[in-house]
Protein backbone atom coordinates (compact mmCIF):
# COMPACT_ATOMS: atom_id res chain seq x y z
CA MET A 1 -30.36 -0.07 -7.81
CA LEU A 2 -30.47 -3.83 -8.43
CA LEU A 3 -32.06 -5.23 -11.59
CA THR A 4 -32.48 -8.76 -12.84
CA LEU A 5 -29.96 -9.62 -15.53
CA GLN A 6 -32.63 -10.09 -18.19
CA THR A 7 -34.44 -6.84 -17.32
CA PHE A 8 -31.17 -4.96 -17.57
CA LEU A 9 -30.22 -6.46 -20.94
CA ASP A 10 -33.71 -5.98 -22.42
CA ASN A 11 -33.67 -2.26 -21.54
CA VAL A 12 -29.94 -1.52 -21.53
CA ASP A 13 -30.18 1.72 -23.54
CA SER A 14 -32.50 3.26 -20.98
CA TYR A 15 -30.06 2.47 -18.16
CA LEU A 16 -26.82 3.77 -19.69
CA ASP A 17 -27.08 7.21 -18.08
CA LYS A 18 -27.83 5.64 -14.68
CA ILE A 19 -24.70 3.48 -14.48
CA ALA A 20 -21.91 4.67 -12.16
CA ILE A 21 -18.98 6.35 -13.95
CA PRO A 22 -15.49 6.08 -12.40
CA ASP A 23 -13.34 9.19 -12.05
CA TRP A 24 -9.75 8.44 -13.10
CA THR A 25 -8.66 12.05 -13.61
CA HIS A 26 -6.12 11.76 -10.78
CA LEU A 27 -4.40 9.14 -12.97
CA ASP A 28 -4.70 11.29 -16.12
CA VAL A 29 -7.38 9.11 -17.71
CA LYS A 30 -10.79 10.38 -18.81
CA SER A 31 -14.00 8.34 -18.58
CA LYS A 32 -15.67 9.51 -21.79
CA GLU A 33 -18.99 7.64 -21.68
CA THR A 34 -20.80 4.44 -20.77
CA MET A 35 -21.72 2.35 -23.78
CA TYR A 36 -23.07 -1.06 -24.68
CA ILE A 37 -20.61 -3.08 -26.82
CA PRO A 38 -21.10 -6.58 -28.26
CA TRP A 39 -18.43 -9.06 -27.22
CA ASP A 40 -17.35 -9.64 -30.83
CA GLN A 41 -16.27 -5.98 -30.97
CA ILE A 42 -13.88 -6.25 -28.01
CA TYR A 43 -10.29 -7.50 -28.16
CA ILE A 44 -9.48 -9.32 -24.90
CA ASP A 45 -5.83 -10.19 -24.28
CA HIS A 46 -5.44 -11.88 -20.91
CA ASP A 47 -1.65 -11.57 -21.13
CA LYS A 48 -2.14 -7.80 -20.94
CA ASN A 49 -3.69 -8.14 -17.49
CA GLU A 50 -0.23 -7.66 -15.96
CA SER A 51 -1.27 -5.92 -12.77
CA LYS A 52 -1.99 -9.36 -11.28
CA VAL A 53 0.63 -12.00 -10.58
CA GLU A 54 -1.92 -14.78 -10.17
CA PRO A 55 -4.79 -15.14 -12.67
CA HIS A 56 -8.38 -15.47 -11.53
CA THR A 57 -9.20 -18.93 -10.24
CA ALA A 58 -12.14 -20.96 -11.50
CA GLU A 59 -13.80 -20.46 -8.10
CA GLU A 60 -13.51 -16.68 -8.39
CA ILE A 61 -15.01 -16.69 -11.88
CA GLU A 62 -17.90 -18.85 -10.67
CA CYS A 63 -18.55 -16.46 -7.78
CA LEU A 64 -18.66 -13.54 -10.20
CA ARG A 65 -21.00 -15.47 -12.52
CA LEU A 66 -23.39 -16.22 -9.66
CA SER A 67 -23.24 -12.60 -8.53
CA PHE A 68 -24.32 -11.29 -11.94
CA ALA A 69 -26.96 -14.03 -12.23
CA GLU A 70 -28.54 -12.68 -9.04
CA GLY A 71 -28.80 -9.16 -10.44
CA VAL A 72 -27.06 -6.07 -11.84
CA ASN A 73 -26.13 -3.22 -9.50
CA LEU A 74 -26.14 0.10 -11.39
CA ASN A 75 -24.01 1.67 -8.65
CA GLU A 76 -21.04 -0.54 -9.50
CA PHE A 77 -18.55 0.53 -12.15
CA PRO A 78 -18.58 -1.61 -15.30
CA PRO A 79 -15.44 -2.97 -17.01
CA GLY A 80 -13.33 -0.46 -18.95
CA VAL A 81 -12.24 -0.38 -22.60
CA LYS A 82 -10.28 1.87 -24.91
CA TYR A 83 -10.97 2.56 -28.59
CA ARG A 84 -8.24 1.10 -30.82
CA GLY A 85 -9.56 2.33 -34.15
CA LYS A 86 -12.01 1.42 -36.89
CA GLU A 87 -9.25 -0.32 -38.86
CA TYR A 88 -9.45 -3.24 -36.40
CA ALA A 89 -12.03 -6.02 -36.67
CA LYS A 90 -12.42 -5.59 -32.93
CA PRO A 91 -12.09 -1.82 -32.48
CA PHE A 92 -12.29 -1.84 -28.67
CA GLU A 93 -9.76 -3.35 -26.26
CA LEU A 94 -10.47 -4.43 -22.69
CA GLU A 95 -8.41 -2.52 -20.11
CA TYR A 96 -9.84 -3.90 -16.88
CA GLY A 97 -12.63 -6.20 -15.76
CA TYR A 98 -11.17 -9.45 -17.11
CA GLY A 99 -12.85 -11.63 -14.50
CA ARG A 100 -16.21 -9.92 -14.89
CA SER A 101 -16.03 -10.17 -18.69
CA GLU A 102 -15.27 -13.88 -18.48
CA SER A 103 -18.13 -14.54 -16.07
CA LEU A 104 -20.62 -12.49 -18.11
CA ARG A 105 -19.80 -14.43 -21.27
CA LEU A 106 -20.40 -17.65 -19.34
CA LEU A 107 -23.93 -16.32 -18.79
CA LYS A 108 -24.28 -16.24 -22.60
CA THR A 109 -24.68 -12.48 -22.82
CA LYS A 110 -24.15 -11.05 -26.31
CA GLY A 111 -22.48 -7.89 -25.00
CA TRP A 112 -22.17 -5.67 -21.96
CA VAL A 113 -21.81 -2.09 -20.78
CA PHE A 114 -18.36 -0.58 -20.53
CA THR A 115 -16.70 2.67 -19.53
CA LEU A 116 -14.91 4.10 -22.56
CA LEU A 117 -11.51 5.34 -21.39
CA ASP A 118 -9.12 7.84 -22.93
CA GLY A 119 -5.50 8.12 -21.82
CA SER A 120 -1.89 7.27 -22.58
CA GLU A 121 -0.58 3.71 -22.34
CA ASP A 122 1.23 4.58 -19.12
CA ALA A 123 -1.88 6.17 -17.58
CA LEU A 124 -4.13 3.27 -18.61
CA GLU A 125 -1.71 0.83 -16.97
CA ASP A 126 -2.04 2.89 -13.77
CA VAL A 127 -5.82 2.63 -13.95
CA GLN A 128 -5.61 -1.11 -14.54
CA ALA A 129 -3.55 -1.46 -11.36
CA ALA A 130 -5.74 0.87 -9.30
CA GLU A 131 -9.16 -0.29 -10.50
CA ASN A 132 -9.62 -3.09 -7.95
CA GLU A 133 -8.56 -0.94 -4.99
CA GLY A 134 -12.07 0.33 -4.34
CA LEU A 135 -13.95 -2.79 -5.35
CA PRO A 136 -14.72 -6.03 -3.52
CA LYS A 137 -13.97 -8.08 -6.64
CA ARG A 138 -10.33 -8.85 -5.92
CA LEU A 139 -8.11 -6.49 -3.97
CA ASN A 140 -4.53 -6.07 -5.13
CA LYS A 141 -2.00 -8.07 -3.16
CA GLU A 142 1.42 -6.66 -2.32
CA VAL A 143 2.99 -9.00 -4.85
CA ASP A 144 0.73 -7.42 -7.51
CA MET A 145 1.85 -3.94 -6.50
CA ARG A 146 5.51 -4.94 -6.69
CA LYS A 147 5.06 -6.44 -10.13
CA PHE A 148 3.27 -3.34 -11.41
CA LEU A 149 5.85 -0.88 -10.04
CA LEU A 150 8.83 -2.94 -11.14
CA LYS A 151 7.45 -3.07 -14.68
CA LYS A 152 7.12 0.73 -14.64
CA VAL A 153 10.80 1.01 -13.73
CA ARG A 154 12.03 -1.57 -16.24
CA THR A 155 10.02 -0.10 -19.12
CA GLY A 156 11.33 3.38 -18.35
CA LYS A 157 7.91 4.84 -17.56
CA ILE A 158 9.17 6.04 -14.20
CA LYS A 159 12.71 6.82 -13.10
CA ASN A 160 14.76 4.17 -11.36
CA THR A 161 14.69 6.05 -8.06
CA GLU A 162 12.96 5.49 -4.76
CA GLU A 163 11.22 8.87 -4.95
CA ALA A 164 9.70 8.06 -8.36
CA ILE A 165 8.52 4.64 -7.18
CA ARG A 166 7.01 6.10 -4.02
CA THR A 167 5.25 8.85 -6.01
CA LYS A 168 3.71 6.30 -8.38
CA PHE A 169 2.59 4.16 -5.43
CA ARG A 170 0.80 7.11 -3.81
CA LYS A 171 -0.87 7.98 -7.10
CA VAL A 172 -2.15 4.48 -7.90
CA TYR A 173 -2.80 3.16 -4.36
CA PRO A 174 -3.80 6.29 -2.38
CA ASN A 175 -5.78 4.40 0.28
CA ARG A 176 -3.06 1.97 1.32
CA SER A 177 -1.30 2.42 4.65
CA LYS A 178 2.15 3.91 4.99
CA ALA A 179 3.38 0.57 6.34
CA ILE A 180 2.37 -1.21 3.13
CA MET A 181 3.81 1.59 1.00
CA HIS A 182 7.17 1.52 2.77
CA ARG A 183 7.35 -2.28 2.56
CA VAL A 184 6.41 -2.48 -1.13
CA VAL A 185 8.63 0.43 -2.19
CA GLN A 186 11.59 -1.04 -0.32
CA GLN A 187 11.12 -4.41 -2.02
CA VAL A 188 10.79 -2.80 -5.46
CA CYS A 189 13.96 -0.80 -4.86
CA GLU A 190 15.81 -3.96 -3.91
CA SER A 191 14.56 -5.78 -7.01
CA ALA A 192 15.47 -2.82 -9.22
CA GLY A 193 18.96 -2.61 -7.74
CA ILE A 194 18.39 0.73 -6.02
CA GLU A 195 20.30 1.17 -2.78
CA GLN A 196 18.13 3.16 -0.45
CA PRO A 197 19.87 6.04 1.35
CA TYR A 198 18.53 4.78 4.65
CA VAL A 199 17.78 1.59 6.60
CA LEU A 200 14.35 0.60 7.88
CA TYR A 201 14.14 -1.85 10.77
CA THR A 202 11.17 -4.02 9.85
CA SER A 203 11.36 -6.36 12.84
CA PRO A 204 13.26 -6.91 16.12
CA LYS A 205 15.24 -9.63 14.32
CA LYS A 206 16.68 -7.04 11.94
CA VAL A 207 17.64 -4.88 14.91
CA GLN A 208 19.32 -7.88 16.49
CA ASP A 209 21.26 -8.37 13.26
CA TRP A 210 22.54 -4.80 13.57
CA LEU A 211 23.58 -5.48 17.15
CA ASP A 212 25.37 -8.70 16.20
CA ASN A 213 27.10 -7.32 13.13
CA ASN A 214 27.86 -3.69 13.92
CA SER A 215 27.27 -2.45 17.44
CA ARG A 216 30.15 -2.11 19.88
CA GLU A 217 27.68 -2.33 22.77
CA GLU A 218 25.20 -4.98 23.85
CA TYR A 219 21.62 -3.99 24.60
CA CYS A 220 18.41 -5.66 25.71
CA LEU A 221 15.55 -5.15 23.27
CA ASP A 222 12.53 -7.12 24.41
CA GLY A 223 11.88 -5.96 27.94
CA GLU A 224 14.64 -8.08 29.48
CA PHE A 225 16.60 -6.87 32.48
CA ASP A 226 20.04 -5.49 31.60
CA THR A 227 22.19 -6.40 34.58
CA ALA A 228 25.12 -4.27 33.36
CA ARG A 229 23.00 -1.11 33.34
CA ASP A 230 20.59 -2.08 36.13
CA MET A 231 17.62 -1.24 33.92
CA TYR A 232 15.17 -2.94 31.63
CA GLY A 233 15.67 -2.52 27.90
CA ALA A 234 12.97 -1.70 25.34
CA LEU A 235 12.92 -1.32 21.55
CA MET A 236 10.36 1.12 20.16
CA LYS A 237 9.25 2.42 16.77
CA GLU A 238 8.21 6.06 16.57
CA GLY A 239 4.59 6.61 17.54
CA TYR A 240 4.50 4.04 20.34
CA GLN A 241 5.61 6.28 23.21
CA TYR A 242 2.44 5.83 25.27
CA ARG A 243 2.67 2.04 25.23
CA THR A 244 6.37 2.18 26.09
CA VAL A 245 5.79 4.55 29.02
CA LEU A 246 2.95 2.42 30.42
CA ASN A 247 5.12 -0.70 30.29
CA ALA A 248 7.99 1.18 31.96
CA VAL A 249 5.69 2.50 34.69
CA SER A 250 4.40 -1.02 35.34
CA LYS A 251 7.93 -2.40 35.62
CA TYR A 252 9.00 0.42 37.92
CA VAL A 253 6.04 -0.18 40.23
CA GLN A 254 6.83 -3.91 40.36
CA THR A 255 10.64 -3.73 40.62
CA GLY A 256 11.77 -0.17 41.26
CA LYS A 257 13.90 -0.34 38.10
CA LYS A 258 13.73 2.07 35.17
CA THR A 259 13.59 1.23 31.46
CA TYR A 260 15.93 2.50 28.78
CA VAL A 261 14.53 3.00 25.30
CA ILE A 262 16.16 2.41 21.92
CA TYR A 263 13.97 3.72 19.13
CA HIS A 264 13.80 3.84 15.34
CA CYS A 265 11.74 5.73 12.77
CA GLY A 266 9.87 5.10 9.55
CA ALA A 267 11.02 6.35 6.17
CA PRO A 268 11.85 10.06 5.95
CA THR A 269 9.71 12.44 3.93
CA LYS A 270 10.32 15.80 2.29
CA LYS A 271 8.86 17.51 5.35
CA SER A 272 10.44 15.34 8.00
CA GLY A 273 13.94 13.82 7.85
CA PHE A 274 15.48 11.59 10.48
CA LEU A 275 16.60 14.53 12.61
CA GLU A 276 13.07 15.91 12.75
CA LYS A 277 11.58 12.48 13.36
CA ARG A 278 13.94 11.76 16.23
CA ASN A 279 13.22 15.12 17.81
CA GLN A 280 9.49 14.38 17.55
CA VAL A 281 10.00 11.08 19.39
CA ILE A 282 11.69 12.83 22.30
CA MET A 283 9.10 15.62 22.28
CA GLY A 284 6.37 12.99 22.45
CA PHE A 285 7.99 11.43 25.49
CA GLU A 286 8.44 14.80 27.16
CA ASN A 287 4.80 15.72 26.61
CA ILE A 288 3.76 12.51 28.34
CA ARG A 289 6.22 13.25 31.14
CA GLU A 290 4.74 16.72 31.70
CA ASN A 291 1.20 15.35 31.77
CA LEU A 292 2.07 12.64 34.27
CA SER A 293 3.96 15.13 36.42
CA ALA A 294 0.91 17.40 36.46
CA CYS A 295 -1.08 14.40 37.73
CA GLY A 296 1.32 13.97 40.64
CA MET A 297 3.74 11.36 39.31
CA ASN A 298 7.19 12.42 40.52
CA VAL A 299 9.26 9.58 39.02
CA TRP A 300 10.04 9.35 35.30
CA PRO A 301 10.90 5.68 34.62
CA ILE A 302 12.35 6.26 31.13
CA GLU A 303 15.95 6.75 30.02
CA TYR A 304 16.68 7.65 26.39
CA MET A 305 19.46 5.33 25.27
CA GLY A 306 19.42 6.57 21.68
CA ALA A 307 18.13 6.00 18.17
CA LEU A 308 19.14 3.20 15.85
CA PRO A 309 21.35 4.39 12.98
CA GLN A 310 19.34 4.67 9.76
CA ASP A 311 20.77 7.46 7.59
CA ARG A 312 23.52 5.89 5.47
CA GLU A 313 25.13 9.25 4.76
CA LYS A 314 25.05 10.85 8.20
CA ASP A 315 24.82 8.10 10.84
CA ASN A 316 27.62 6.03 12.34
CA PHE A 317 26.39 2.45 12.05
CA LYS A 318 28.69 1.25 14.82
CA SER A 319 26.71 2.95 17.57
CA LEU A 320 23.38 4.43 18.56
CA VAL A 321 22.58 7.97 17.55
CA ILE A 322 22.51 10.01 20.75
């Protein structure tokens, strides 16, 4: 429901029960009520807005101002505050919605509607970091996520372990991809001085570094022809078996030469360690092989060369894991 700004402000009390209320219970914060609060009753400390590395730009504030000038959408969540206590001249403190609050004051409003939040300092920080995830206002960047998680480690609010960092990431950013989670968690671990018990190969260049620095053997990684083995070489991350097989079939049809595959996996989980992940890669290939065989294809153009070493405790980093 979209209302003009003036209509909304003139009848704000009648709209309070129609404004969307966010559910932060998964972050251990309760949304108690929606209330109208004058600006002179709210303490706004921009230095507390630590979930962002870069502050709002003037252009972003102007866009927000123009958006509110066009109308008020009752389906959007308002900014959030906590109650500090009646002993303060400004008893409420802004928790999130800094850009919106700035733009609304530029429109000369005397106050606005807020979600009154109740939770611990740690939980409210989580909400501050997560609040933009579902909104078009300004999505968190990876650098913002790293800053937030690193602060949690350094202030002792989570343990200085990869598992604790990963758990907090899932809790605050549940809709982000595994690729982003792995990348951010790895960077936070490095910044916090945590040596991960495994290696993730984030690009072919990192694999080439392993070859140059550790491997006793030379391999081709990017589809080149390996004259020593009389086969093409391919590097693959788990989950890309179909693409790898199609490329190998195409090369076999064109040249009569097979393709050997070197593969690597993403971060292990409680349910699936590297052993399980590697077995799943081979099982995926074999399922494709059975399907193609049932369709009449009698040549399998793939050779399993091995997996890249990743487990620091169990793998020999001088050779592939066979």
